[in-house]
Amino acid sequence: MNKKRMLILASASPRRQELLRNAGISFSVQPANVPEQHLAGEAPEQYVRRLAREKAEAVASRAEADAVILAADTEVVLDLVSGSPLGKPRDEGDAMKMLKMLSGRSHFVITGVCLMWQDKNGEWQSKDASETTLVQMLQISEEEMRGYVATGEPMDKAGAYAIQGMASRWIPRIEGCYFNVVGLPVPLVYRMLQENAPQALGGLPDLLIRSR
């Protein structure tokens, strides 16, 4: 019987942690603290997958041999081919600028995911992938934007909004994975774990089994 491995989430994001907990996936947290710098000419998908790999590699360098590393990077872009990631707002003025860019139009949320584990020879292996969701946003008045920014909710969110929060009132439709917009495409992560490191999943928690 394969020994259960520890899943390490290379992120301090409370949203990613909550999504994993809700899915019944056990994990510990070790933030990667990797600089998030967009390279010239780098397409959005390349960017998020590269950052996810760099985060996973940073944590793997100090992890135990039986660990499985999960890292992710989520960005908001207007164009999937040449768009620059909006990132997280630096201040309230930057948050207002982002919201004005997104207001009344569609945009893309793209997340790069990287999984790292050691094979039977002790060599680190990795697998990365990405998920993209199209998000439609209603027209938002400047007064509404200012009120939203004043709540502080946009300040640590890519694109300056949280679909699971107050910004939900302005998002009538999405195409793709909802959890991806929150910060982690859970079905994609689950499939990657099943295919590459099933020992990190174990069984469903007893609490979930009893509640069925």
N, C-alpha and C. Protein backbone atom coordinates (compact mmCIF):
# COMPACT_ATOMS: atom_id res chain seq x y z
N MET A 1 0.86 -1.19 0.00
CA MET A 1 0.00 0.00 0.00
C MET A 1 0.88 1.23 0.00
N ASN A 2 0.59 2.19 -0.89
CA ASN A 2 1.40 3.40 -0.98
C ASN A 2 1.21 4.28 0.24
N LYS A 3 2.32 4.81 0.72
CA LYS A 3 2.29 5.70 1.88
C LYS A 3 1.71 7.05 1.48
N LYS A 4 0.84 7.60 2.33
CA LYS A 4 0.26 8.92 2.04
C LYS A 4 1.36 9.98 2.11
N ARG A 5 1.34 10.88 1.15
CA ARG A 5 2.31 11.95 1.11
C ARG A 5 1.67 13.26 1.55
N MET A 6 2.51 14.17 2.09
CA MET A 6 2.02 15.46 2.52
C MET A 6 1.91 16.40 1.33
N LEU A 7 0.75 17.04 1.16
CA LEU A 7 0.58 18.05 0.12
C LEU A 7 0.91 19.40 0.72
N ILE A 8 1.81 20.12 0.07
CA ILE A 8 2.19 21.45 0.52
C ILE A 8 1.67 22.47 -0.49
N LEU A 9 0.88 23.42 -0.01
CA LEU A 9 0.40 24.51 -0.85
C LEU A 9 1.40 25.65 -0.77
N ALA A 10 1.99 25.99 -1.91
CA ALA A 10 3.02 27.04 -1.96
C ALA A 10 2.36 28.41 -2.12
N SER A 11 1.46 28.73 -1.19
CA SER A 11 0.71 29.98 -1.29
C SER A 11 0.14 30.36 0.06
N ALA A 12 0.15 31.67 0.34
CA ALA A 12 -0.46 32.16 1.57
C ALA A 12 -1.90 32.60 1.34
N SER A 13 -2.41 32.42 0.12
CA SER A 13 -3.75 32.89 -0.23
C SER A 13 -4.82 32.20 0.60
N PRO A 14 -5.60 32.95 1.38
CA PRO A 14 -6.68 32.32 2.15
C PRO A 14 -7.76 31.75 1.25
N ARG A 15 -7.91 32.29 0.04
CA ARG A 15 -8.93 31.78 -0.87
C ARG A 15 -8.55 30.40 -1.40
N ARG A 16 -7.29 30.21 -1.77
CA ARG A 16 -6.85 28.89 -2.23
C ARG A 16 -6.95 27.86 -1.11
N GLN A 17 -6.61 28.27 0.09
CA GLN A 17 -6.68 27.36 1.22
C GLN A 17 -8.13 26.94 1.48
N GLU A 18 -9.04 27.89 1.40
CA GLU A 18 -10.45 27.57 1.63
C GLU A 18 -10.99 26.64 0.56
N LEU A 19 -10.60 26.85 -0.69
CA LEU A 19 -11.06 26.00 -1.79
C LEU A 19 -10.59 24.56 -1.59
N LEU A 20 -9.33 24.38 -1.20
CA LEU A 20 -8.82 23.03 -0.96
C LEU A 20 -9.53 22.37 0.22
N ARG A 21 -9.73 23.12 1.29
CA ARG A 21 -10.44 22.57 2.46
C ARG A 21 -11.86 22.15 2.08
N ASN A 22 -12.55 22.99 1.33
CA ASN A 22 -13.93 22.68 0.93
C ASN A 22 -14.00 21.43 0.06
N ALA A 23 -12.90 21.16 -0.68
CA ALA A 23 -12.86 19.98 -1.54
C ALA A 23 -12.40 18.74 -0.78
N GLY A 24 -12.12 18.87 0.51
CA GLY A 24 -11.71 17.73 1.31
C GLY A 24 -10.29 17.29 1.06
N ILE A 25 -9.42 18.22 0.61
CA ILE A 25 -8.03 17.90 0.32
C ILE A 25 -7.15 18.45 1.45
N SER A 26 -6.45 17.57 2.15
CA SER A 26 -5.60 17.97 3.27
C SER A 26 -4.28 18.56 2.76
N PHE A 27 -3.77 19.56 3.46
CA PHE A 27 -2.53 20.21 3.03
C PHE A 27 -1.92 21.02 4.17
N SER A 28 -0.66 21.38 3.99
CA SER A 28 -0.02 22.36 4.85
C SER A 28 0.39 23.53 3.96
N VAL A 29 0.81 24.62 4.58
CA VAL A 29 1.10 25.84 3.82
C VAL A 29 2.56 26.26 3.98
N GLN A 30 3.22 26.50 2.86
CA GLN A 30 4.56 27.08 2.85
C GLN A 30 4.63 28.09 1.72
N PRO A 31 4.40 29.37 1.99
CA PRO A 31 4.44 30.38 0.92
C PRO A 31 5.79 30.40 0.21
N ALA A 32 5.74 30.65 -1.10
CA ALA A 32 6.95 30.59 -1.91
C ALA A 32 7.71 31.92 -1.93
N ASN A 33 6.98 33.04 -1.89
CA ASN A 33 7.60 34.38 -1.91
C ASN A 33 8.50 34.58 -3.12
N VAL A 34 7.97 34.30 -4.30
CA VAL A 34 8.69 34.47 -5.56
C VAL A 34 8.28 35.80 -6.19
N PRO A 35 9.23 36.60 -6.67
CA PRO A 35 8.89 37.86 -7.34
C PRO A 35 8.00 37.61 -8.56
N GLU A 36 6.92 38.37 -8.68
CA GLU A 36 5.99 38.20 -9.78
C GLU A 36 6.24 39.30 -10.81
N GLN A 37 7.12 39.01 -11.75
CA GLN A 37 7.52 39.99 -12.74
C GLN A 37 7.24 39.47 -14.15
N HIS A 38 6.44 40.22 -14.90
CA HIS A 38 6.08 39.84 -16.26
C HIS A 38 7.24 40.15 -17.20
N LEU A 39 7.63 39.18 -18.01
CA LEU A 39 8.73 39.36 -18.96
C LEU A 39 8.20 39.92 -20.27
N ALA A 40 8.99 40.75 -20.92
CA ALA A 40 8.59 41.35 -22.19
C ALA A 40 8.28 40.26 -23.21
N GLY A 41 7.14 40.39 -23.88
CA GLY A 41 6.76 39.44 -24.91
C GLY A 41 6.21 38.13 -24.40
N GLU A 42 6.04 38.02 -23.10
CA GLU A 42 5.55 36.77 -22.51
C GLU A 42 4.03 36.73 -22.54
N ALA A 43 3.47 35.71 -23.18
CA ALA A 43 2.02 35.56 -23.25
C ALA A 43 1.47 35.23 -21.86
N PRO A 44 0.22 35.61 -21.58
CA PRO A 44 -0.36 35.37 -20.25
C PRO A 44 -0.26 33.93 -19.76
N GLU A 45 -0.54 32.96 -20.65
CA GLU A 45 -0.46 31.57 -20.22
C GLU A 45 0.96 31.17 -19.86
N GLN A 46 1.93 31.62 -20.65
CA GLN A 46 3.34 31.35 -20.35
C GLN A 46 3.71 31.94 -19.00
N TYR A 47 3.22 33.14 -18.75
CA TYR A 47 3.54 33.86 -17.51
C TYR A 47 3.05 33.12 -16.27
N VAL A 48 1.76 32.74 -16.27
CA VAL A 48 1.21 32.10 -15.07
C VAL A 48 1.80 30.72 -14.86
N ARG A 49 2.08 30.00 -15.95
CA ARG A 49 2.68 28.67 -15.79
C ARG A 49 4.13 28.78 -15.31
N ARG A 50 4.86 29.77 -15.80
CA ARG A 50 6.24 29.97 -15.34
C ARG A 50 6.26 30.32 -13.86
N LEU A 51 5.40 31.25 -13.46
CA LEU A 51 5.39 31.64 -12.05
C LEU A 51 4.99 30.48 -11.15
N ALA A 52 4.02 29.69 -11.58
CA ALA A 52 3.62 28.52 -10.79
C ALA A 52 4.79 27.56 -10.63
N ARG A 53 5.54 27.33 -11.72
CA ARG A 53 6.71 26.45 -11.64
C ARG A 53 7.76 27.02 -10.68
N GLU A 54 8.03 28.32 -10.79
CA GLU A 54 9.04 28.94 -9.93
C GLU A 54 8.64 28.86 -8.46
N LYS A 55 7.36 29.03 -8.18
CA LYS A 55 6.88 28.92 -6.80
C LYS A 55 7.04 27.48 -6.29
N ALA A 56 6.67 26.52 -7.12
CA ALA A 56 6.81 25.12 -6.71
C ALA A 56 8.27 24.75 -6.49
N GLU A 57 9.14 25.19 -7.37
CA GLU A 57 10.57 24.89 -7.24
C GLU A 57 11.16 25.51 -5.98
N ALA A 58 10.71 26.73 -5.64
CA ALA A 58 11.22 27.40 -4.44
C ALA A 58 10.89 26.62 -3.19
N VAL A 59 9.68 26.07 -3.12
CA VAL A 59 9.28 25.30 -1.94
C VAL A 59 9.90 23.91 -1.96
N ALA A 60 10.00 23.31 -3.15
CA ALA A 60 10.59 21.97 -3.27
C ALA A 60 12.04 21.96 -2.80
N SER A 61 12.74 23.06 -2.95
CA SER A 61 14.15 23.13 -2.57
C SER A 61 14.36 22.96 -1.07
N ARG A 62 13.30 23.15 -0.28
CA ARG A 62 13.43 23.01 1.17
C ARG A 62 12.43 22.00 1.75
N ALA A 63 11.76 21.24 0.87
CA ALA A 63 10.72 20.31 1.32
C ALA A 63 11.29 18.93 1.61
N GLU A 64 10.55 18.16 2.39
CA GLU A 64 10.90 16.77 2.67
C GLU A 64 10.69 15.92 1.42
N ALA A 65 11.37 14.77 1.38
CA ALA A 65 11.31 13.91 0.20
C ALA A 65 9.92 13.36 -0.07
N ASP A 66 9.09 13.20 0.97
CA ASP A 66 7.77 12.62 0.75
C ASP A 66 6.69 13.66 0.50
N ALA A 67 7.11 14.91 0.23
CA ALA A 67 6.15 15.98 0.01
C ALA A 67 5.72 16.08 -1.45
N VAL A 68 4.51 16.57 -1.64
CA VAL A 68 4.01 16.93 -2.97
C VAL A 68 3.72 18.43 -2.92
N ILE A 69 4.25 19.16 -3.89
CA ILE A 69 4.12 20.61 -3.88
C ILE A 69 3.06 21.05 -4.88
N LEU A 70 2.17 21.92 -4.44
CA LEU A 70 1.16 22.51 -5.31
C LEU A 70 1.34 24.02 -5.31
N ALA A 71 1.55 24.59 -6.49
CA ALA A 71 1.71 26.04 -6.61
C ALA A 71 0.80 26.55 -7.71
N ALA A 72 0.40 27.81 -7.60
CA ALA A 72 -0.50 28.40 -8.60
C ALA A 72 -0.26 29.90 -8.70
N ASP A 73 -0.62 30.43 -9.84
CA ASP A 73 -0.61 31.88 -10.04
C ASP A 73 -1.83 32.26 -10.87
N THR A 74 -2.61 33.22 -10.38
CA THR A 74 -3.82 33.66 -11.06
C THR A 74 -3.69 35.10 -11.51
N GLU A 75 -4.05 35.36 -12.75
CA GLU A 75 -3.96 36.71 -13.29
C GLU A 75 -5.22 37.05 -14.08
N VAL A 76 -5.47 38.34 -14.21
CA VAL A 76 -6.58 38.87 -15.00
C VAL A 76 -5.99 39.59 -16.21
N VAL A 77 -6.49 39.24 -17.40
CA VAL A 77 -6.00 39.88 -18.63
C VAL A 77 -7.18 40.23 -19.54
N LEU A 78 -6.97 41.23 -20.37
CA LEU A 78 -7.99 41.62 -21.34
C LEU A 78 -7.81 40.88 -22.65
N ASP A 79 -6.59 40.43 -22.92
CA ASP A 79 -6.26 39.75 -24.18
C ASP A 79 -5.40 38.53 -23.87
N LEU A 80 -5.80 37.36 -24.36
CA LEU A 80 -5.08 36.13 -24.06
C LEU A 80 -3.78 35.98 -24.83
N VAL A 81 -3.64 36.72 -25.92
CA VAL A 81 -2.45 36.59 -26.76
C VAL A 81 -1.34 37.53 -26.32
N SER A 82 -1.68 38.80 -26.18
CA SER A 82 -0.63 39.78 -25.88
C SER A 82 -0.92 40.63 -24.65
N GLY A 83 -1.97 40.28 -23.92
CA GLY A 83 -2.34 41.11 -22.77
C GLY A 83 -1.38 41.00 -21.61
N SER A 84 -1.13 42.12 -20.96
CA SER A 84 -0.30 42.13 -19.76
C SER A 84 -1.19 41.89 -18.55
N PRO A 85 -0.77 41.06 -17.61
CA PRO A 85 -1.57 40.79 -16.41
C PRO A 85 -1.81 42.08 -15.62
N LEU A 86 -3.04 42.25 -15.15
CA LEU A 86 -3.34 43.44 -14.35
C LEU A 86 -2.70 43.35 -12.97
N GLY A 87 -2.51 42.16 -12.45
CA GLY A 87 -1.90 42.00 -11.14
C GLY A 87 -2.81 42.48 -10.03
N LYS A 88 -2.22 42.68 -8.85
CA LYS A 88 -2.96 43.21 -7.70
C LYS A 88 -2.72 44.70 -7.61
N PRO A 89 -3.72 45.48 -7.24
CA PRO A 89 -3.55 46.94 -7.19
C PRO A 89 -2.53 47.37 -6.14
N ARG A 90 -1.74 48.36 -6.52
CA ARG A 90 -0.73 48.89 -5.60
C ARG A 90 -1.36 49.78 -4.53
N ASP A 91 -2.43 50.47 -4.92
CA ASP A 91 -3.11 51.39 -4.00
C ASP A 91 -4.54 51.59 -4.51
N GLU A 92 -5.30 52.46 -3.85
CA GLU A 92 -6.70 52.66 -4.23
C GLU A 92 -6.83 53.24 -5.62
N GLY A 93 -5.92 54.13 -6.00
CA GLY A 93 -5.95 54.71 -7.34
C GLY A 93 -5.75 53.65 -8.40
N ASP A 94 -4.84 52.72 -8.14
CA ASP A 94 -4.58 51.64 -9.07
C ASP A 94 -5.79 50.71 -9.17
N ALA A 95 -6.45 50.47 -8.05
CA ALA A 95 -7.66 49.64 -8.04
C ALA A 95 -8.76 50.29 -8.88
N MET A 96 -8.92 51.59 -8.74
CA MET A 96 -9.91 52.31 -9.55
C MET A 96 -9.58 52.19 -11.03
N LYS A 97 -8.33 52.32 -11.38
CA LYS A 97 -7.91 52.21 -12.77
C LYS A 97 -8.25 50.84 -13.35
N MET A 98 -7.99 49.79 -12.58
CA MET A 98 -8.29 48.43 -13.04
C MET A 98 -9.78 48.23 -13.22
N LEU A 99 -10.58 48.68 -12.27
CA LEU A 99 -12.02 48.50 -12.35
C LEU A 99 -12.60 49.23 -13.56
N LYS A 100 -12.05 50.40 -13.86
CA LYS A 100 -12.52 51.14 -15.04
C LYS A 100 -12.18 50.38 -16.32
N MET A 101 -11.04 49.70 -16.33
CA MET A 101 -10.66 48.91 -17.50
C MET A 101 -11.59 47.71 -17.70
N LEU A 102 -12.06 47.12 -16.60
CA LEU A 102 -12.89 45.92 -16.67
C LEU A 102 -14.37 46.22 -16.82
N SER A 103 -14.80 47.40 -16.42
CA SER A 103 -16.22 47.76 -16.40
C SER A 103 -16.85 47.69 -17.78
N GLY A 104 -18.00 46.99 -17.86
CA GLY A 104 -18.78 46.95 -19.08
C GLY A 104 -18.23 46.10 -20.19
N ARG A 105 -17.33 45.19 -19.88
CA ARG A 105 -16.74 44.34 -20.93
C ARG A 105 -16.36 42.98 -20.35
N SER A 106 -15.91 42.11 -21.21
CA SER A 106 -15.46 40.79 -20.76
C SER A 106 -13.94 40.79 -20.61
N HIS A 107 -13.46 39.89 -19.78
CA HIS A 107 -12.02 39.72 -19.59
C HIS A 107 -11.76 38.25 -19.27
N PHE A 108 -10.50 37.90 -19.15
CA PHE A 108 -10.11 36.52 -18.90
C PHE A 108 -9.40 36.40 -17.55
N VAL A 109 -9.71 35.34 -16.83
CA VAL A 109 -8.96 34.98 -15.63
C VAL A 109 -8.23 33.68 -15.96
N ILE A 110 -6.92 33.70 -15.82
CA ILE A 110 -6.11 32.54 -16.16
C ILE A 110 -5.24 32.15 -14.98
N THR A 111 -5.23 30.87 -14.66
CA THR A 111 -4.43 30.36 -13.53
C THR A 111 -3.46 29.29 -14.03
N GLY A 112 -2.21 29.46 -13.69
CA GLY A 112 -1.22 28.43 -13.94
C GLY A 112 -1.07 27.58 -12.69
N VAL A 113 -1.01 26.27 -12.87
CA VAL A 113 -0.88 25.33 -11.75
C VAL A 113 0.34 24.45 -11.99
N CYS A 114 1.14 24.25 -10.95
CA CYS A 114 2.28 23.35 -11.05
C CYS A 114 2.28 22.37 -9.88
N LEU A 115 2.53 21.11 -10.20
CA LEU A 115 2.63 20.05 -9.20
C LEU A 115 4.03 19.48 -9.26
N MET A 116 4.66 19.28 -8.11
CA MET A 116 5.99 18.68 -8.05
C MET A 116 6.00 17.55 -7.02
N TRP A 117 6.68 16.47 -7.37
CA TRP A 117 6.79 15.31 -6.48
C TRP A 117 8.09 14.57 -6.81
N GLN A 118 8.53 13.72 -5.90
CA GLN A 118 9.74 12.94 -6.14
C GLN A 118 9.38 11.52 -6.57
N ASP A 119 10.11 11.03 -7.59
CA ASP A 119 9.88 9.67 -8.04
C ASP A 119 10.62 8.68 -7.14
N LYS A 120 10.58 7.41 -7.48
CA LYS A 120 11.18 6.38 -6.62
C LYS A 120 12.70 6.51 -6.55
N ASN A 121 13.31 7.25 -7.48
CA ASN A 121 14.76 7.48 -7.45
C ASN A 121 15.14 8.76 -6.73
N GLY A 122 14.15 9.44 -6.17
CA GLY A 122 14.42 10.67 -5.44
C GLY A 122 14.59 11.89 -6.32
N GLU A 123 14.19 11.78 -7.60
CA GLU A 123 14.30 12.91 -8.53
C GLU A 123 12.97 13.67 -8.56
N TRP A 124 13.07 15.00 -8.51
CA TRP A 124 11.86 15.82 -8.56
C TRP A 124 11.27 15.78 -9.96
N GLN A 125 9.98 15.52 -10.03
CA GLN A 125 9.23 15.55 -11.28
C GLN A 125 8.19 16.68 -11.19
N SER A 126 7.78 17.18 -12.34
CA SER A 126 6.80 18.26 -12.30
C SER A 126 5.81 18.16 -13.45
N LYS A 127 4.66 18.73 -13.23
CA LYS A 127 3.62 18.82 -14.24
C LYS A 127 2.94 20.16 -14.08
N ASP A 128 2.80 20.90 -15.18
CA ASP A 128 2.10 22.17 -15.07
C ASP A 128 0.99 22.25 -16.12
N ALA A 129 0.00 23.07 -15.84
CA ALA A 129 -1.15 23.24 -16.72
C ALA A 129 -1.77 24.60 -16.42
N SER A 130 -2.79 24.95 -17.17
CA SER A 130 -3.47 26.22 -16.92
C SER A 130 -4.95 26.09 -17.17
N GLU A 131 -5.71 26.99 -16.59
CA GLU A 131 -7.17 27.05 -16.75
C GLU A 131 -7.54 28.49 -17.06
N THR A 132 -8.47 28.68 -18.02
CA THR A 132 -8.90 30.02 -18.40
C THR A 132 -10.42 30.12 -18.30
N THR A 133 -10.90 31.21 -17.71
CA THR A 133 -12.32 31.47 -17.58
C THR A 133 -12.63 32.85 -18.14
N LEU A 134 -13.68 32.93 -18.94
CA LEU A 134 -14.15 34.22 -19.47
C LEU A 134 -15.15 34.81 -18.49
N VAL A 135 -14.95 36.06 -18.14
CA VAL A 135 -15.81 36.73 -17.17
C VAL A 135 -16.42 37.98 -17.80
N GLN A 136 -17.74 38.11 -17.70
CA GLN A 136 -18.44 39.29 -18.20
C GLN A 136 -18.75 40.20 -17.01
N MET A 137 -18.42 41.48 -17.14
CA MET A 137 -18.68 42.43 -16.06
C MET A 137 -19.62 43.53 -16.55
N LEU A 138 -20.60 43.85 -15.73
CA LEU A 138 -21.53 44.93 -16.05
C LEU A 138 -20.83 46.29 -15.99
N GLN A 139 -21.52 47.30 -16.51
CA GLN A 139 -21.01 48.67 -16.39
C GLN A 139 -21.11 49.09 -14.92
N ILE A 140 -20.04 49.63 -14.39
CA ILE A 140 -20.00 50.05 -12.99
C ILE A 140 -19.81 51.55 -12.94
N SER A 141 -20.64 52.23 -12.17
CA SER A 141 -20.50 53.68 -12.05
C SER A 141 -19.27 54.02 -11.21
N GLU A 142 -18.76 55.22 -11.39
CA GLU A 142 -17.58 55.63 -10.62
C GLU A 142 -17.90 55.67 -9.13
N GLU A 143 -19.12 56.05 -8.80
CA GLU A 143 -19.53 56.07 -7.38
C GLU A 143 -19.49 54.67 -6.79
N GLU A 144 -19.98 53.69 -7.55
CA GLU A 144 -19.96 52.31 -7.09
C GLU A 144 -18.52 51.82 -6.92
N MET A 145 -17.66 52.16 -7.88
CA MET A 145 -16.25 51.76 -7.80
C MET A 145 -15.60 52.33 -6.55
N ARG A 146 -15.83 53.62 -6.30
CA ARG A 146 -15.21 54.25 -5.13
C ARG A 146 -15.69 53.60 -3.83
N GLY A 147 -16.97 53.30 -3.78
CA GLY A 147 -17.50 52.64 -2.59
C GLY A 147 -16.91 51.25 -2.40
N TYR A 148 -16.73 50.54 -3.51
CA TYR A 148 -16.16 49.19 -3.45
C TYR A 148 -14.71 49.24 -3.02
N VAL A 149 -13.95 50.13 -3.60
CA VAL A 149 -12.53 50.25 -3.25
C VAL A 149 -12.38 50.62 -1.78
N ALA A 150 -13.29 51.45 -1.27
CA ALA A 150 -13.22 51.89 0.13
C ALA A 150 -13.40 50.73 1.11
N THR A 151 -14.04 49.64 0.67
CA THR A 151 -14.22 48.49 1.56
C THR A 151 -12.91 47.73 1.78
N GLY A 152 -11.94 47.93 0.88
CA GLY A 152 -10.66 47.22 0.99
C GLY A 152 -10.65 45.86 0.31
N GLU A 153 -11.81 45.36 -0.11
CA GLU A 153 -11.87 44.03 -0.72
C GLU A 153 -10.99 43.87 -1.96
N PRO A 154 -10.89 44.89 -2.81
CA PRO A 154 -10.11 44.71 -4.04
C PRO A 154 -8.59 44.68 -3.86
N MET A 155 -8.09 45.07 -2.69
CA MET A 155 -6.68 45.43 -2.58
C MET A 155 -5.70 44.26 -2.68
N ASP A 156 -6.11 43.04 -2.41
CA ASP A 156 -5.18 41.92 -2.54
C ASP A 156 -5.66 40.91 -3.58
N LYS A 157 -6.45 41.41 -4.55
CA LYS A 157 -7.03 40.54 -5.56
C LYS A 157 -6.52 40.92 -6.95
N ALA A 158 -6.17 39.92 -7.74
CA ALA A 158 -5.79 40.17 -9.13
C ALA A 158 -6.97 40.80 -9.86
N GLY A 159 -6.72 41.90 -10.55
CA GLY A 159 -7.79 42.58 -11.25
C GLY A 159 -8.65 43.45 -10.37
N ALA A 160 -8.34 43.52 -9.08
CA ALA A 160 -9.02 44.41 -8.11
C ALA A 160 -10.48 44.05 -7.85
N TYR A 161 -10.81 42.75 -7.89
CA TYR A 161 -12.17 42.37 -7.50
C TYR A 161 -12.18 40.92 -7.04
N ALA A 162 -13.22 40.59 -6.26
CA ALA A 162 -13.42 39.22 -5.77
C ALA A 162 -14.80 38.76 -6.22
N ILE A 163 -14.84 37.76 -7.09
CA ILE A 163 -16.12 37.28 -7.61
C ILE A 163 -16.98 36.68 -6.51
N GLN A 164 -16.34 36.15 -5.46
CA GLN A 164 -17.09 35.54 -4.37
C GLN A 164 -17.52 36.57 -3.33
N GLY A 165 -17.16 37.83 -3.54
CA GLY A 165 -17.48 38.89 -2.59
C GLY A 165 -18.50 39.87 -3.14
N MET A 166 -18.31 41.14 -2.78
CA MET A 166 -19.26 42.17 -3.19
C MET A 166 -19.31 42.39 -4.68
N ALA A 167 -18.22 42.08 -5.38
CA ALA A 167 -18.19 42.27 -6.83
C ALA A 167 -19.11 41.30 -7.56
N SER A 168 -19.64 40.29 -6.86
CA SER A 168 -20.55 39.33 -7.50
C SER A 168 -21.76 40.03 -8.11
N ARG A 169 -22.13 41.18 -7.59
CA ARG A 169 -23.31 41.90 -8.09
C ARG A 169 -23.11 42.40 -9.52
N TRP A 170 -21.86 42.49 -9.97
CA TRP A 170 -21.56 43.04 -11.29
C TRP A 170 -21.17 41.96 -12.31
N ILE A 171 -21.26 40.70 -11.94
CA ILE A 171 -20.81 39.63 -12.84
C ILE A 171 -21.99 38.71 -13.17
N PRO A 172 -22.68 38.99 -14.28
CA PRO A 172 -23.86 38.21 -14.63
C PRO A 172 -23.56 36.86 -15.26
N ARG A 173 -22.33 36.69 -15.80
CA ARG A 173 -22.06 35.46 -16.54
C ARG A 173 -20.57 35.17 -16.60
N ILE A 174 -20.25 33.88 -16.51
CA ILE A 174 -18.89 33.44 -16.77
C ILE A 174 -18.96 32.23 -17.68
N GLU A 175 -17.87 31.97 -18.38
CA GLU A 175 -17.75 30.75 -19.19
C GLU A 175 -16.49 30.03 -18.74
N GLY A 176 -16.69 28.88 -18.09
CA GLY A 176 -15.55 28.13 -17.59
C GLY A 176 -15.66 27.87 -16.10
N CYS A 177 -14.54 27.59 -15.50
CA CYS A 177 -14.48 27.19 -14.09
C CYS A 177 -14.62 28.39 -13.14
N TYR A 178 -15.64 28.36 -12.30
CA TYR A 178 -15.85 29.42 -11.30
C TYR A 178 -14.70 29.47 -10.30
N PHE A 179 -14.26 28.30 -9.83
CA PHE A 179 -13.22 28.26 -8.80
C PHE A 179 -11.91 28.86 -9.31
N ASN A 180 -11.71 28.79 -10.62
CA ASN A 180 -10.54 29.41 -11.22
C ASN A 180 -10.53 30.90 -10.97
N VAL A 181 -11.70 31.54 -11.06
CA VAL A 181 -11.80 32.99 -10.85
C VAL A 181 -11.54 33.33 -9.39
N VAL A 182 -11.93 32.44 -8.49
CA VAL A 182 -11.66 32.65 -7.07
C VAL A 182 -10.16 32.55 -6.78
N GLY A 183 -9.46 31.68 -7.54
CA GLY A 183 -8.01 31.60 -7.34
C GLY A 183 -7.37 30.24 -7.52
N LEU A 184 -8.20 29.18 -7.69
CA LEU A 184 -7.62 27.86 -7.87
C LEU A 184 -8.62 26.97 -8.60
N PRO A 185 -8.29 26.47 -9.80
CA PRO A 185 -9.20 25.58 -10.53
C PRO A 185 -9.20 24.19 -9.90
N VAL A 186 -10.05 23.99 -8.91
CA VAL A 186 -10.03 22.77 -8.10
C VAL A 186 -10.17 21.49 -8.92
N PRO A 187 -11.10 21.40 -9.88
CA PRO A 187 -11.20 20.15 -10.65
C PRO A 187 -9.90 19.83 -11.40
N LEU A 188 -9.24 20.84 -11.95
CA LEU A 188 -7.96 20.62 -12.63
C LEU A 188 -6.91 20.13 -11.65
N VAL A 189 -6.83 20.74 -10.48
CA VAL A 189 -5.86 20.33 -9.45
C VAL A 189 -6.13 18.88 -9.03
N TYR A 190 -7.40 18.55 -8.84
CA TYR A 190 -7.74 17.18 -8.41
C TYR A 190 -7.32 16.15 -9.46
N ARG A 191 -7.57 16.46 -10.74
CA ARG A 191 -7.16 15.54 -11.80
C ARG A 191 -5.64 15.38 -11.85
N MET A 192 -4.93 16.49 -11.67
CA MET A 192 -3.47 16.43 -11.69
C MET A 192 -2.93 15.59 -10.55
N LEU A 193 -3.55 15.71 -9.37
CA LEU A 193 -3.13 14.91 -8.23
C LEU A 193 -3.45 13.43 -8.47
N GLN A 194 -4.63 13.14 -8.99
CA GLN A 194 -5.00 11.76 -9.27
C GLN A 194 -4.02 11.09 -10.23
N GLU A 195 -3.62 11.85 -11.26
CA GLU A 195 -2.78 11.28 -12.31
C GLU A 195 -1.30 11.19 -11.93
N ASN A 196 -0.83 12.10 -11.08
CA ASN A 196 0.60 12.20 -10.82
C ASN A 196 1.03 11.92 -9.39
N ALA A 197 0.20 12.22 -8.42
CA ALA A 197 0.59 12.03 -7.02
C ALA A 197 -0.64 11.67 -6.19
N PRO A 198 -1.29 10.53 -6.50
CA PRO A 198 -2.52 10.16 -5.79
C PRO A 198 -2.32 9.94 -4.29
N GLN A 199 -1.06 9.65 -3.89
CA GLN A 199 -0.81 9.42 -2.46
C GLN A 199 -1.05 10.69 -1.63
N ALA A 200 -1.07 11.85 -2.28
CA ALA A 200 -1.31 13.10 -1.55
C ALA A 200 -2.79 13.33 -1.29
N LEU A 201 -3.64 12.52 -1.93
CA LEU A 201 -5.07 12.71 -1.75
C LEU A 201 -5.63 11.91 -0.59
N GLY A 202 -5.20 10.66 -0.46
CA GLY A 202 -5.77 9.81 0.57
C GLY A 202 -7.24 9.57 0.28
N GLY A 203 -8.00 9.25 1.30
CA GLY A 203 -9.43 9.05 1.14
C GLY A 203 -10.18 10.31 1.52
N LEU A 204 -11.50 10.27 1.32
CA LEU A 204 -12.31 11.39 1.78
C LEU A 204 -12.28 11.45 3.30
N PRO A 205 -12.24 12.68 3.86
CA PRO A 205 -12.27 12.79 5.33
C PRO A 205 -13.49 12.10 5.90
N ASP A 206 -13.34 11.54 7.11
CA ASP A 206 -14.44 10.83 7.76
C ASP A 206 -15.67 11.71 7.88
N LEU A 207 -15.46 13.01 8.14
CA LEU A 207 -16.57 13.91 8.31
C LEU A 207 -17.42 13.97 7.06
N LEU A 208 -16.77 14.00 5.88
CA LEU A 208 -17.51 14.06 4.62
C LEU A 208 -18.26 12.75 4.39
N ILE A 209 -17.62 11.64 4.72
CA ILE A 209 -18.24 10.33 4.51
C ILE A 209 -19.48 10.21 5.39
N ARG A 210 -19.37 10.63 6.66
CA ARG A 210 -20.48 10.51 7.59
C ARG A 210 -21.66 11.39 7.19
N SER A 211 -21.36 12.52 6.50
CA SER A 211 -22.42 13.47 6.19
C SER A 211 -23.24 13.09 4.95
N ARG A 212 -22.82 12.04 4.25
CA ARG A 212 -23.53 11.64 3.01
C ARG A 212 -24.87 10.98 3.33
